[in-house]
Protein backbone atom coordinates (compact mmCIF):
# COMPACT_ATOMS: atom_id res chain seq x y z
CA MET A 1 109.97 118.28 67.89
CA PRO A 2 108.61 115.04 69.23
CA SER A 3 106.88 111.87 66.57
CA ALA A 4 103.47 111.65 66.61
CA ASP A 5 103.95 108.55 67.73
CA ALA A 6 105.30 109.38 70.97
CA ARG A 7 102.59 111.83 72.14
CA SER A 8 99.87 108.45 70.58
CA PRO A 9 97.92 106.66 72.96
CA ALA A 10 99.41 103.51 74.14
CA ASP A 11 97.32 100.09 72.42
CA THR A 12 99.41 97.88 74.40
CA PRO A 13 100.54 97.49 78.46
CA GLU A 14 104.29 96.53 75.73
CA LYS A 15 103.69 100.00 73.89
CA LEU A 16 103.74 102.28 77.37
CA HIS A 17 107.53 101.16 78.10
CA MET A 18 108.32 102.82 74.26
CA ILE A 19 106.36 105.55 74.76
CA ILE A 20 108.42 106.44 78.08
CA ARG A 21 111.75 105.77 76.61
CA ASP A 22 110.80 108.23 73.26
CA ALA A 23 109.00 110.81 76.20
CA ILE A 24 112.47 110.74 77.99
CA ASN A 25 114.67 110.65 74.44
CA GLY A 26 112.81 113.71 73.17
CA THR A 27 112.25 115.58 76.38
CA ASP A 28 108.84 115.29 75.42
CA LEU A 29 107.02 116.42 79.14
CA ASP A 30 103.50 116.05 77.74
CA ALA A 31 104.17 113.04 76.66
CA PHE A 32 105.82 111.50 80.03
CA CYS A 33 102.47 113.14 81.38
CA ASP A 34 100.15 111.90 79.06
CA ALA A 35 101.08 108.09 79.51
CA HIS A 36 99.90 108.33 82.85
CA GLU A 37 96.82 108.38 84.76
CA ASP A 38 96.25 111.26 86.55
CA ASP A 39 96.64 110.08 89.45
CA ALA A 40 99.31 107.69 89.19
CA SER A 41 102.42 107.42 91.14
CA VAL A 42 106.29 107.26 90.10
CA VAL A 43 109.77 106.35 91.61
CA LEU A 44 112.17 108.23 90.73
CA PRO A 45 115.91 107.63 90.80
CA PRO A 46 118.07 107.73 92.03
CA ASP A 47 116.73 108.25 95.33
CA GLY A 48 113.77 106.58 95.06
CA ALA A 49 110.99 109.70 95.94
CA THR A 50 107.61 108.98 94.94
CA ALA A 51 106.02 111.66 92.60
CA HIS A 52 101.98 111.07 92.79
CA GLY A 53 99.42 112.95 90.13
CA HIS A 54 100.85 114.97 86.74
CA ASP A 55 101.86 118.21 88.81
CA GLU A 56 103.99 116.36 91.08
CA ILE A 57 105.22 113.56 88.44
CA ARG A 58 105.85 116.59 86.01
CA ALA A 59 107.96 118.66 88.16
CA ALA A 60 109.59 115.53 89.15
CA ILE A 61 110.84 114.46 85.54
CA VAL A 62 111.53 117.90 84.85
CA PRO A 63 115.69 117.73 86.10
CA LEU A 64 116.49 114.56 84.50
CA LEU A 65 115.48 115.77 80.81
CA ALA A 66 117.71 118.71 81.32
CA LEU A 67 120.79 116.08 81.31
CA GLY A 68 120.19 115.07 77.60
CA PRO A 69 118.85 111.59 78.93
CA GLU A 70 119.60 108.70 76.59
CA MET A 71 117.48 105.67 77.21
CA GLU A 72 117.03 102.15 75.83
CA THR A 73 114.13 99.72 77.38
CA GLU A 74 112.83 95.90 76.74
CA VAL A 75 109.88 94.97 77.90
CA VAL A 76 110.47 91.09 79.52
CA LYS A 77 107.07 90.40 81.18
CA LYS A 78 103.50 90.86 81.24
CA LEU A 79 101.20 90.10 83.06
CA GLU A 80 97.20 90.92 82.11
CA THR A 81 94.03 90.21 83.56
CA ASP A 82 90.58 91.72 83.55
CA GLY A 83 91.83 95.21 82.21
CA LEU A 84 95.16 95.23 84.39
CA ALA A 85 99.12 94.96 83.39
CA LEU A 86 102.22 93.80 85.10
CA THR A 87 104.86 94.73 83.17
CA HIS A 88 108.59 94.31 83.67
CA GLY A 89 111.09 95.99 81.74
CA LEU A 90 115.36 96.02 81.66
CA TRP A 91 116.26 99.72 80.90
CA ARG A 92 119.46 101.73 80.19
CA LEU A 93 119.48 105.08 80.92
CA ALA A 94 122.97 107.50 79.86
CA VAL A 95 123.08 111.49 81.24
CA THR A 96 124.79 114.29 81.39
CA GLU A 97 125.63 115.93 83.91
CA HIS A 98 128.46 118.61 85.56
CA GLY A 99 129.79 117.85 82.09
CA SER A 100 130.57 113.78 82.62
CA ARG A 101 128.52 111.06 80.80
CA SER A 102 127.00 108.73 82.63
CA GLU A 103 125.38 105.86 82.45
CA HIS A 104 122.70 103.93 84.71
CA ARG A 105 121.07 100.67 84.12
CA GLY A 106 117.97 98.78 85.78
CA VAL A 107 114.97 96.74 86.15
CA GLY A 108 111.91 98.48 86.50
CA THR A 109 107.71 97.30 87.20
CA MET A 110 104.54 98.91 85.75
CA VAL A 111 101.16 98.39 86.29
CA SER A 112 98.69 99.41 83.40
CA ARG A 113 95.41 99.95 83.21
CA GLN A 114 93.07 100.15 79.64
CA GLN A 115 91.31 102.57 79.55
CA PRO A 116 87.35 102.71 78.12
CA ASP A 117 88.88 104.08 74.82
CA GLY A 118 90.64 101.23 75.18
CA THR A 119 94.35 102.41 74.98
CA TRP A 120 96.40 101.62 78.31
CA ARG A 121 98.14 104.20 81.22
CA ILE A 122 100.51 103.74 83.34
CA VAL A 123 98.61 104.09 87.49
CA LEU A 124 102.38 102.27 89.27
CA ASP A 125 106.38 102.94 87.94
CA ASP A 126 109.00 101.65 90.16
CA PRO A 127 111.70 101.58 87.55
CA LEU A 128 114.10 101.13 90.70
CA SER A 129 111.90 97.76 91.74
CA GLY A 130 114.47 95.04 90.51
CA VAL A 131 117.78 96.87 92.08
């Protein structure tokens, strides 16, 4: 069962990276989607296809969650103004596919927006932006 913290809204843009990490590690589809605004867009590895909105994001992330993912991430830069934030993070993702464990690394970029209640949600997420 996911921790309560994995489902809690982000109180900073940087925390979104941790919520995504925890959702992937815990295979928590709801927490992953809850971190995004309803009409968010996400670029999906490995081919760079883009999913728009919760329904497409949900359908697109399910195959990754089935691979027993283990993710690490570190925010390395943030630019913030007027309720918008641009964050860059280094990430590592290990998955098991066809009985073999593989590891992937990259640099990702998130754009997030502060919500009326003060929390943050992802608007745009491109984990392949630095690849």
